[in-house]
Amino acid sequence: MAQQHITTTFTPDEFDERIAAAVERTIRPLIEAAIQPPSTPKLLTRQQTARFLGISLPTLHDWTMHGKITANRIGTRVRYYQTDVEAALQRIKTAKN
């Protein structure tokens, strides 16, 4: 099989622009992926969680103790993942209907 040769003439500036564009197309997605912060679920305080659910802090405590909602202890603090709170709210709404 014979090799084909394609000859094209570029000025040095055109050559530089084409190389830069090719590198840009290859590297840009890698850079953007590297600088995107990992998506971590938002943590809510007890007060934020109670407000979100429309309940009091004692009720939130009871729901946590009875397993209706999952709490996470971070050091001495209690936090709730917003995704867990939304899921619990959905379960509670479904149970009422």
PDB file of N, CA and C in Angstrom:
ATOM      1  N   MET A   1       0.850  -1.172   0.000  1.00  0.00           N
ATOM      2  CA  MET A   1       0.000   0.000   0.000  1.00  0.00           C
ATOM      3  C   MET A   1       0.895   1.234   0.000  1.00  0.00           C
ATOM      4  N   ALA A   2       0.680   2.073  -0.927  1.00  0.00           N
ATOM      5  CA  ALA A   2       1.507   3.272  -1.073  1.00  0.00           C
ATOM      6  C   ALA A   2       1.026   4.359  -0.118  1.00  0.00           C
ATOM      7  N   GLN A   3       1.967   5.073   0.445  1.00  0.00           N
ATOM      8  CA  GLN A   3       1.622   6.174   1.338  1.00  0.00           C
ATOM      9  C   GLN A   3       1.322   7.410   0.513  1.00  0.00           C
ATOM     10  N   GLN A   4       0.331   8.136   0.959  1.00  0.00           N
ATOM     11  CA  GLN A   4       0.002   9.380   0.289  1.00  0.00           C
ATOM     12  C   GLN A   4       0.574  10.529   1.093  1.00  0.00           C
ATOM     13  N   HIS A   5       1.096  11.477   0.435  1.00  0.00           N
ATOM     14  CA  HIS A   5       1.651  12.660   1.088  1.00  0.00           C
ATOM     15  C   HIS A   5       0.815  13.859   0.694  1.00  0.00           C
ATOM     16  N   ILE A   6       0.428  14.605   1.686  1.00  0.00           N
ATOM     17  CA  ILE A   6      -0.323  15.826   1.436  1.00  0.00           C
ATOM     18  C   ILE A   6       0.576  16.974   1.831  1.00  0.00           C
ATOM     19  N   THR A   7       0.733  17.874   0.934  1.00  0.00           N
ATOM     20  CA  THR A   7       1.591  19.015   1.188  1.00  0.00           C
ATOM     21  C   THR A   7       0.729  20.266   1.243  1.00  0.00           C
ATOM     22  N   THR A   8       0.874  20.994   2.338  1.00  0.00           N
ATOM     23  CA  THR A   8       0.148  22.248   2.505  1.00  0.00           C
ATOM     24  C   THR A   8       1.151  23.282   2.975  1.00  0.00           C
ATOM     25  N   THR A   9       0.961  24.471   2.507  1.00  0.00           N
ATOM     26  CA  THR A   9       1.872  25.541   2.889  1.00  0.00           C
ATOM     27  C   THR A   9       1.175  26.478   3.866  1.00  0.00           C
ATOM     28  N   PHE A  10       1.804  26.662   5.016  1.00  0.00           N
ATOM     29  CA  PHE A  10       1.319  27.595   6.035  1.00  0.00           C
ATOM     30  C   PHE A  10       2.417  28.592   6.326  1.00  0.00           C
ATOM     31  N   THR A  11       1.988  29.784   6.659  1.00  0.00           N
ATOM     32  CA  THR A  11       2.967  30.746   7.169  1.00  0.00           C
ATOM     33  C   THR A  11       3.273  30.314   8.600  1.00  0.00           C
ATOM     34  N   PRO A  12       4.379  30.742   9.152  1.00  0.00           N
ATOM     35  CA  PRO A  12       4.678  30.394  10.543  1.00  0.00           C
ATOM     36  C   PRO A  12       3.552  30.804  11.510  1.00  0.00           C
ATOM     37  N   ASP A  13       2.933  31.953  11.288  1.00  0.00           N
ATOM     38  CA  ASP A  13       1.834  32.397  12.158  1.00  0.00           C
ATOM     39  C   ASP A  13       0.612  31.486  12.025  1.00  0.00           C
ATOM     40  N   GLU A  14       0.271  31.089  10.802  1.00  0.00           N
ATOM     41  CA  GLU A  14      -0.862  30.180  10.587  1.00  0.00           C
ATOM     42  C   GLU A  14      -0.595  28.826  11.254  1.00  0.00           C
ATOM     43  N   PHE A  15       0.651  28.375  11.122  1.00  0.00           N
ATOM     44  CA  PHE A  15       1.023  27.093  11.734  1.00  0.00           C
ATOM     45  C   PHE A  15       0.861  27.168  13.252  1.00  0.00           C
ATOM     46  N   ASP A  16       1.350  28.263  13.847  1.00  0.00           N
ATOM     47  CA  ASP A  16       1.223  28.466  15.293  1.00  0.00           C
ATOM     48  C   ASP A  16      -0.248  28.498  15.717  1.00  0.00           C
ATOM     49  N   GLU A  17      -1.092  29.192  14.945  1.00  0.00           N
ATOM     50  CA  GLU A  17      -2.516  29.295  15.263  1.00  0.00           C
ATOM     51  C   GLU A  17      -3.193  27.927  15.206  1.00  0.00           C
ATOM     52  N   ARG A  18      -2.856  27.134  14.207  1.00  0.00           N
ATOM     53  CA  ARG A  18      -3.465  25.807  14.075  1.00  0.00           C
ATOM     54  C   ARG A  18      -3.025  24.884  15.211  1.00  0.00           C
ATOM     55  N   ILE A  19      -1.758  24.946  15.576  1.00  0.00           N
ATOM     56  CA  ILE A  19      -1.276  24.131  16.697  1.00  0.00           C
ATOM     57  C   ILE A  19      -1.945  24.575  17.993  1.00  0.00           C
ATOM     58  N   ALA A  20      -2.031  25.882  18.216  1.00  0.00           N
ATOM     59  CA  ALA A  20      -2.656  26.410  19.431  1.00  0.00           C
ATOM     60  C   ALA A  20      -4.126  25.992  19.500  1.00  0.00           C
ATOM     61  N   ALA A  21      -4.835  26.045  18.380  1.00  0.00           N
ATOM     62  CA  ALA A  21      -6.247  25.656  18.352  1.00  0.00           C
ATOM     63  C   ALA A  21      -6.400  24.170  18.650  1.00  0.00           C
ATOM     64  N   ALA A  22      -5.524  23.339  18.114  1.00  0.00           N
ATOM     65  CA  ALA A  22      -5.598  21.893  18.361  1.00  0.00           C
ATOM     66  C   ALA A  22      -5.315  21.582  19.834  1.00  0.00           C
ATOM     67  N   VAL A  23      -4.337  22.250  20.390  1.00  0.00           N
ATOM     68  CA  VAL A  23      -4.015  22.050  21.808  1.00  0.00           C
ATOM     69  C   VAL A  23      -5.176  22.526  22.671  1.00  0.00           C
ATOM     70  N   GLU A  24      -5.748  23.671  22.325  1.00  0.00           N
ATOM     71  CA  GLU A  24      -6.883  24.228  23.066  1.00  0.00           C
ATOM     72  C   GLU A  24      -8.055  23.240  23.074  1.00  0.00           C
ATOM     73  N   ARG A  25      -8.390  22.675  21.915  1.00  0.00           N
ATOM     74  CA  ARG A  25      -9.501  21.719  21.825  1.00  0.00           C
ATOM     75  C   ARG A  25      -9.240  20.478  22.667  1.00  0.00           C
ATOM     76  N   THR A  26      -8.002  20.091  22.783  1.00  0.00           N
ATOM     77  CA  THR A  26      -7.659  18.887  23.536  1.00  0.00           C
ATOM     78  C   THR A  26      -7.558  19.155  25.032  1.00  0.00           C
ATOM     79  N   ILE A  27      -6.946  20.245  25.399  1.00  0.00           N
ATOM     80  CA  ILE A  27      -6.639  20.529  26.794  1.00  0.00           C
ATOM     81  C   ILE A  27      -7.801  21.185  27.552  1.00  0.00           C
ATOM     82  N   ARG A  28      -8.579  22.041  26.913  1.00  0.00           N
ATOM     83  CA  ARG A  28      -9.637  22.794  27.605  1.00  0.00           C
ATOM     84  C   ARG A  28     -10.585  21.891  28.407  1.00  0.00           C
ATOM     85  N   PRO A  29     -11.131  20.808  27.834  1.00  0.00           N
ATOM     86  CA  PRO A  29     -12.024  19.963  28.636  1.00  0.00           C
ATOM     87  C   PRO A  29     -11.328  19.357  29.860  1.00  0.00           C
ATOM     88  N   LEU A  30     -10.055  19.038  29.728  1.00  0.00           N
ATOM     89  CA  LEU A  30      -9.319  18.482  30.862  1.00  0.00           C
ATOM     90  C   LEU A  30      -9.146  19.510  31.973  1.00  0.00           C
ATOM     91  N   ILE A  31      -8.847  20.739  31.585  1.00  0.00           N
ATOM     92  CA  ILE A  31      -8.674  21.809  32.567  1.00  0.00           C
ATOM     93  C   ILE A  31     -10.004  22.101  33.258  1.00  0.00           C
ATOM     94  N   GLU A  32     -11.078  22.202  32.474  1.00  0.00           N
ATOM     95  CA  GLU A  32     -12.383  22.502  33.061  1.00  0.00           C
ATOM     96  C   GLU A  32     -12.817  21.396  34.023  1.00  0.00           C
ATOM     97  N   ALA A  33     -12.560  20.153  33.673  1.00  0.00           N
ATOM     98  CA  ALA A  33     -12.917  19.040  34.557  1.00  0.00           C
ATOM     99  C   ALA A  33     -12.094  19.089  35.840  1.00  0.00           C
ATOM    100  N   ALA A  34     -10.847  19.504  35.735  1.00  0.00           N
ATOM    101  CA  ALA A  34      -9.969  19.535  36.901  1.00  0.00           C
ATOM    102  C   ALA A  34     -10.341  20.657  37.870  1.00  0.00           C
ATOM    103  N   ILE A  35     -10.839  21.793  37.352  1.00  0.00           N
ATOM    104  CA  ILE A  35     -11.130  22.915  38.244  1.00  0.00           C
ATOM    105  C   ILE A  35     -12.566  22.913  38.746  1.00  0.00           C
ATOM    106  N   GLN A  36     -13.426  22.029  38.225  1.00  0.00           N
ATOM    107  CA  GLN A  36     -14.788  21.934  38.725  1.00  0.00           C
ATOM    108  C   GLN A  36     -14.750  21.309  40.116  1.00  0.00           C
ATOM    109  N   PRO A  37     -15.331  21.968  41.086  1.00  0.00           N
ATOM    110  CA  PRO A  37     -15.358  21.360  42.413  1.00  0.00           C
ATOM    111  C   PRO A  37     -16.257  20.125  42.384  1.00  0.00           C
ATOM    112  N   PRO A  38     -15.887  19.106  43.124  1.00  0.00           N
ATOM    113  CA  PRO A  38     -16.749  17.930  43.150  1.00  0.00           C
ATOM    114  C   PRO A  38     -18.094  18.305  43.758  1.00  0.00           C
ATOM    115  N   SER A  39     -19.128  17.743  43.221  1.00  0.00           N
ATOM    116  CA  SER A  39     -20.443  18.083  43.740  1.00  0.00           C
ATOM    117  C   SER A  39     -20.682  17.315  45.038  1.00  0.00           C
ATOM    118  N   THR A  40     -20.720  18.076  46.115  1.00  0.00           N
ATOM    119  CA  THR A  40     -20.972  17.475  47.415  1.00  0.00           C
ATOM    120  C   THR A  40     -22.334  17.956  47.888  1.00  0.00           C
ATOM    121  N   PRO A  41     -23.083  17.081  48.507  1.00  0.00           N
ATOM    122  CA  PRO A  41     -24.398  17.493  48.998  1.00  0.00           C
ATOM    123  C   PRO A  41     -24.261  18.591  50.044  1.00  0.00           C
ATOM    124  N   LYS A  42     -25.213  19.484  50.031  1.00  0.00           N
ATOM    125  CA  LYS A  42     -25.207  20.589  50.974  1.00  0.00           C
ATOM    126  C   LYS A  42     -25.601  20.088  52.359  1.00  0.00           C
ATOM    127  N   LEU A  43     -24.880  20.531  53.369  1.00  0.00           N
ATOM    128  CA  LEU A  43     -25.187  20.193  54.757  1.00  0.00           C
ATOM    129  C   LEU A  43     -26.021  21.308  55.379  1.00  0.00           C
ATOM    130  N   LEU A  44     -27.053  20.907  56.100  1.00  0.00           N
ATOM    131  CA  LEU A  44     -27.924  21.863  56.774  1.00  0.00           C
ATOM    132  C   LEU A  44     -27.767  21.733  58.281  1.00  0.00           C
ATOM    133  N   THR A  45     -27.892  22.851  58.968  1.00  0.00           N
ATOM    134  CA  THR A  45     -27.889  22.827  60.433  1.00  0.00           C
ATOM    135  C   THR A  45     -29.243  22.304  60.910  1.00  0.00           C
ATOM    136  N   ARG A  46     -29.368  22.074  62.214  1.00  0.00           N
ATOM    137  CA  ARG A  46     -30.642  21.635  62.773  1.00  0.00           C
ATOM    138  C   ARG A  46     -31.712  22.702  62.545  1.00  0.00           C
ATOM    139  N   GLN A  47     -31.341  23.957  62.742  1.00  0.00           N
ATOM    140  CA  GLN A  47     -32.295  25.049  62.558  1.00  0.00           C
ATOM    141  C   GLN A  47     -32.750  25.142  61.095  1.00  0.00           C
ATOM    142  N   GLN A  48     -31.809  25.054  60.166  1.00  0.00           N
ATOM    143  CA  GLN A  48     -32.158  25.115  58.749  1.00  0.00           C
ATOM    144  C   GLN A  48     -33.052  23.948  58.356  1.00  0.00           C
ATOM    145  N   THR A  49     -32.746  22.766  58.895  1.00  0.00           N
ATOM    146  CA  THR A  49     -33.529  21.574  58.576  1.00  0.00           C
ATOM    147  C   THR A  49     -34.953  21.705  59.110  1.00  0.00           C
ATOM    148  N   ALA A  50     -35.093  22.150  60.357  1.00  0.00           N
ATOM    149  CA  ALA A  50     -36.423  22.328  60.942  1.00  0.00           C
ATOM    150  C   ALA A  50     -37.221  23.355  60.152  1.00  0.00           C
ATOM    151  N   ARG A  51     -36.589  24.444  59.774  1.00  0.00           N
ATOM    152  CA  ARG A  51     -37.259  25.486  58.992  1.00  0.00           C
ATOM    153  C   ARG A  51     -37.686  24.934  57.630  1.00  0.00           C
ATOM    154  N   PHE A  52     -36.802  24.161  56.992  1.00  0.00           N
ATOM    155  CA  PHE A  52     -37.091  23.573  55.681  1.00  0.00           C
ATOM    156  C   PHE A  52     -38.304  22.642  55.763  1.00  0.00           C
ATOM    157  N   LEU A  53     -38.374  21.867  56.837  1.00  0.00           N
ATOM    158  CA  LEU A  53     -39.474  20.919  57.011  1.00  0.00           C
ATOM    159  C   LEU A  53     -40.725  21.559  57.611  1.00  0.00           C
ATOM    160  N   GLY A  54     -40.573  22.761  58.161  1.00  0.00           N
ATOM    161  CA  GLY A  54     -41.707  23.442  58.778  1.00  0.00           C
ATOM    162  C   GLY A  54     -42.097  22.832  60.117  1.00  0.00           C
ATOM    163  N   ILE A  55     -41.081  22.394  60.865  1.00  0.00           N
ATOM    164  CA  ILE A  55     -41.316  21.765  62.166  1.00  0.00           C
ATOM    165  C   ILE A  55     -40.437  22.434  63.219  1.00  0.00           C
ATOM    166  N   SER A  56     -40.694  22.085  64.474  1.00  0.00           N
ATOM    167  CA  SER A  56     -39.893  22.640  65.572  1.00  0.00           C
ATOM    168  C   SER A  56     -38.640  21.780  65.771  1.00  0.00           C
ATOM    169  N   LEU A  57     -37.681  22.322  66.525  1.00  0.00           N
ATOM    170  CA  LEU A  57     -36.471  21.559  66.843  1.00  0.00           C
ATOM    171  C   LEU A  57     -36.770  20.292  67.650  1.00  0.00           C
ATOM    172  N   PRO A  58     -37.690  20.343  68.641  1.00  0.00           N
ATOM    173  CA  PRO A  58     -38.018  19.094  69.348  1.00  0.00           C
ATOM    174  C   PRO A  58     -38.622  18.033  68.415  1.00  0.00           C
ATOM    175  N   THR A  59     -39.446  18.466  67.471  1.00  0.00           N
ATOM    176  CA  THR A  59     -40.021  17.508  66.516  1.00  0.00           C
ATOM    177  C   THR A  59     -38.928  16.930  65.623  1.00  0.00           C
ATOM    178  N   LEU A  60     -38.002  17.761  65.198  1.00  0.00           N
ATOM    179  CA  LEU A  60     -36.879  17.274  64.399  1.00  0.00           C
ATOM    180  C   LEU A  60     -36.085  16.236  65.194  1.00  0.00           C
ATOM    181  N   HIS A  61     -35.855  16.512  66.453  1.00  0.00           N
ATOM    182  CA  HIS A  61     -35.143  15.563  67.313  1.00  0.00           C
ATOM    183  C   HIS A  61     -35.900  14.232  67.382  1.00  0.00           C
ATOM    184  N   ASP A  62     -37.216  14.312  67.581  1.00  0.00           N
ATOM    185  CA  ASP A  62     -38.027  13.086  67.636  1.00  0.00           C
ATOM    186  C   ASP A  62     -37.956  12.319  66.313  1.00  0.00           C
ATOM    187  N   TRP A  63     -38.083  13.014  65.209  1.00  0.00           N
ATOM    188  CA  TRP A  63     -38.032  12.357  63.890  1.00  0.00           C
ATOM    189  C   TRP A  63     -36.674  11.688  63.690  1.00  0.00           C
ATOM    190  N   THR A  64     -35.621  12.353  64.163  1.00  0.00           N
ATOM    191  CA  THR A  64     -34.279  11.779  64.032  1.00  0.00           C
ATOM    192  C   THR A  64     -34.163  10.525  64.895  1.00  0.00           C
ATOM    193  N   MET A  65     -34.651  10.589  66.118  1.00  0.00           N
ATOM    194  CA  MET A  65     -34.567   9.445  67.037  1.00  0.00           C
ATOM    195  C   MET A  65     -35.389   8.253  66.532  1.00  0.00           C
ATOM    196  N   HIS A  66     -36.502   8.524  65.857  1.00  0.00           N
ATOM    197  CA  HIS A  66     -37.371   7.461  65.351  1.00  0.00           C
ATOM    198  C   HIS A  66     -37.017   7.038  63.921  1.00  0.00           C
ATOM    199  N   GLY A  67     -35.941   7.584  63.354  1.00  0.00           N
ATOM    200  CA  GLY A  67     -35.467   7.153  62.044  1.00  0.00           C
ATOM    201  C   GLY A  67     -36.215   7.719  60.850  1.00  0.00           C
ATOM    202  N   LYS A  68     -37.043   8.739  61.075  1.00  0.00           N
ATOM    203  CA  LYS A  68     -37.746   9.352  59.945  1.00  0.00           C
ATOM    204  C   LYS A  68     -36.790  10.174  59.085  1.00  0.00           C
ATOM    205  N   ILE A  69     -35.722  10.637  59.699  1.00  0.00           N
ATOM    206  CA  ILE A  69     -34.716  11.440  58.990  1.00  0.00           C
ATOM    207  C   ILE A  69     -33.343  11.082  59.562  1.00  0.00           C
ATOM    208  N   THR A  70     -32.335  11.113  58.720  1.00  0.00           N
ATOM    209  CA  THR A  70     -30.987  10.716  59.129  1.00  0.00           C
ATOM    210  C   THR A  70     -30.143  11.945  59.449  1.00  0.00           C
ATOM    211  N   ALA A  71     -29.551  11.932  60.634  1.00  0.00           N
ATOM    212  CA  ALA A  71     -28.647  13.004  61.051  1.00  0.00           C
ATOM    213  C   ALA A  71     -27.214  12.514  60.912  1.00  0.00           C
ATOM    214  N   ASN A  72     -26.304  13.439  60.750  1.00  0.00           N
ATOM    215  CA  ASN A  72     -24.878  13.136  60.646  1.00  0.00           C
ATOM    216  C   ASN A  72     -24.140  13.968  61.673  1.00  0.00           C
ATOM    217  N   ARG A  73     -23.336  13.309  62.474  1.00  0.00           N
ATOM    218  CA  ARG A  73     -22.570  14.016  63.488  1.00  0.00           C
ATOM    219  C   ARG A  73     -21.200  14.342  62.902  1.00  0.00           C
ATOM    220  N   ILE A  74     -20.868  15.616  62.941  1.00  0.00           N
ATOM    221  CA  ILE A  74     -19.565  16.091  62.493  1.00  0.00           C
ATOM    222  C   ILE A  74     -18.922  16.750  63.701  1.00  0.00           C
ATOM    223  N   GLY A  75     -18.044  16.013  64.330  1.00  0.00           N
ATOM    224  CA  GLY A  75     -17.492  16.476  65.596  1.00  0.00           C
ATOM    225  C   GLY A  75     -18.612  16.470  66.622  1.00  0.00           C
ATOM    226  N   THR A  76     -18.859  17.632  67.213  1.00  0.00           N
ATOM    227  CA  THR A  76     -19.941  17.735  68.191  1.00  0.00           C
ATOM    228  C   THR A  76     -21.215  18.297  67.566  1.00  0.00           C
ATOM    229  N   ARG A  77     -21.184  18.566  66.296  1.00  0.00           N
ATOM    230  CA  ARG A  77     -22.326  19.195  65.620  1.00  0.00           C
ATOM    231  C   ARG A  77     -23.160  18.167  64.870  1.00  0.00           C
ATOM    232  N   VAL A  78     -24.446  18.451  64.797  1.00  0.00           N
ATOM    233  CA  VAL A  78     -25.364  17.598  64.046  1.00  0.00           C
ATOM    234  C   VAL A  78     -25.729  18.332  62.759  1.00  0.00           C
ATOM    235  N   ARG A  79     -25.586  17.634  61.650  1.00  0.00           N
ATOM    236  CA  ARG A  79     -25.913  18.209  60.343  1.00  0.00           C
ATOM    237  C   ARG A  79     -26.767  17.208  59.573  1.00  0.00           C
ATOM    238  N   TYR A  80     -27.537  17.741  58.652  1.00  0.00           N
ATOM    239  CA  TYR A  80     -28.396  16.925  57.796  1.00  0.00           C
ATOM    240  C   TYR A  80     -28.056  17.229  56.342  1.00  0.00           C
ATOM    241  N   TYR A  81     -27.888  16.178  55.542  1.00  0.00           N
ATOM    242  CA  TYR A  81     -27.679  16.391  54.113  1.00  0.00           C
ATOM    243  C   TYR A  81     -29.010  16.822  53.504  1.00  0.00           C
ATOM    244  N   GLN A  82     -28.968  17.868  52.700  1.00  0.00           N
ATOM    245  CA  GLN A  82     -30.194  18.383  52.097  1.00  0.00           C
ATOM    246  C   GLN A  82     -30.908  17.304  51.283  1.00  0.00           C
ATOM    247  N   THR A  83     -30.143  16.452  50.605  1.00  0.00           N
ATOM    248  CA  THR A  83     -30.759  15.383  49.817  1.00  0.00           C
ATOM    249  C   THR A  83     -31.516  14.410  50.733  1.00  0.00           C
ATOM    250  N   ASP A  84     -30.969  14.124  51.918  1.00  0.00           N
ATOM    251  CA  ASP A  84     -31.659  13.254  52.879  1.00  0.00           C
ATOM    252  C   ASP A  84     -32.929  13.917  53.395  1.00  0.00           C
ATOM    253  N   VAL A  85     -32.860  15.223  53.645  1.00  0.00           N
ATOM    254  CA  VAL A  85     -34.023  15.958  54.143  1.00  0.00           C
ATOM    255  C   VAL A  85     -35.131  15.951  53.091  1.00  0.00           C
ATOM    256  N   GLU A  86     -34.761  16.195  51.843  1.00  0.00           N
ATOM    257  CA  GLU A  86     -35.759  16.193  50.771  1.00  0.00           C
ATOM    258  C   GLU A  86     -36.383  14.812  50.605  1.00  0.00           C
ATOM    259  N   ALA A  87     -35.570  13.766  50.706  1.00  0.00           N
ATOM    260  CA  ALA A  87     -36.084  12.396  50.592  1.00  0.00           C
ATOM    261  C   ALA A  87     -37.034  12.078  51.753  1.00  0.00           C
ATOM    262  N   ALA A  88     -36.669  12.498  52.959  1.00  0.00           N
ATOM    263  CA  ALA A  88     -37.530  12.267  54.122  1.00  0.00           C
ATOM    264  C   ALA A  88     -38.845  13.010  53.959  1.00  0.00           C
ATOM    265  N   LEU A  89     -38.781  14.233  53.479  1.00  0.00           N
ATOM    266  CA  LEU A  89     -39.993  15.021  53.265  1.00  0.00           C
ATOM    267  C   LEU A  89     -40.900  14.329  52.253  1.00  0.00           C
ATOM    268  N   GLN A  90     -40.307  13.796  51.198  1.00  0.00           N
ATOM    269  CA  GLN A  90     -41.094  13.080  50.183  1.00  0.00           C
ATOM    270  C   GLN A  90     -41.755  11.840  50.791  1.00  0.00           C
ATOM    271  N   ARG A  91     -41.012  11.096  51.610  1.00  0.00           N
ATOM    272  CA  ARG A  91     -41.578   9.900  52.255  1.00  0.00           C
ATOM    273  C   ARG A  91     -42.726  10.281  53.183  1.00  0.00           C
ATOM    274  N   ILE A  92     -42.558  11.374  53.913  1.00  0.00           N
ATOM    275  CA  ILE A  92     -43.590  11.814  54.849  1.00  0.00           C
ATOM    276  C   ILE A  92     -44.850  12.261  54.085  1.00  0.00           C
ATOM    277  N   LYS A  93     -44.656  13.001  52.993  1.00  0.00           N
ATOM    278  CA  LYS A  93     -45.802  13.439  52.182  1.00  0.00           C
ATOM    279  C   LYS A  93     -46.524  12.236  51.581  1.00  0.00           C
ATOM    280  N   THR A  94     -45.755  11.240  51.117  1.00  0.00           N
ATOM    281  CA  THR A  94     -46.353  10.057  50.524  1.00  0.00           C
ATOM    282  C   THR A  94     -47.125   9.251  51.575  1.00  0.00           C
ATOM    283  N   ALA A  95     -46.582   9.160  52.773  1.00  0.00           N
ATOM    284  CA  ALA A  95     -47.245   8.414  53.849  1.00  0.00           C
ATOM    285  C   ALA A  95     -48.559   9.080  54.247  1.00  0.00           C
ATOM    286  N   LYS A  96     -48.640  10.380  54.171  1.00  0.00           N
ATOM    287  CA  LYS A  96     -49.872  11.104  54.540  1.00  0.00           C
ATOM    288  C   LYS A  96     -50.971  10.897  53.517  1.00  0.00           C
ATOM    289  N   ASN A  97     -50.585  10.661  52.265  1.00  0.00           N
ATOM    290  CA  ASN A  97     -51.597  10.502  51.210  1.00  0.00           C
ATOM    291  C   ASN A  97     -52.019   9.114  51.145  1.00  0.00           C
TER     292      ASN A  97
END
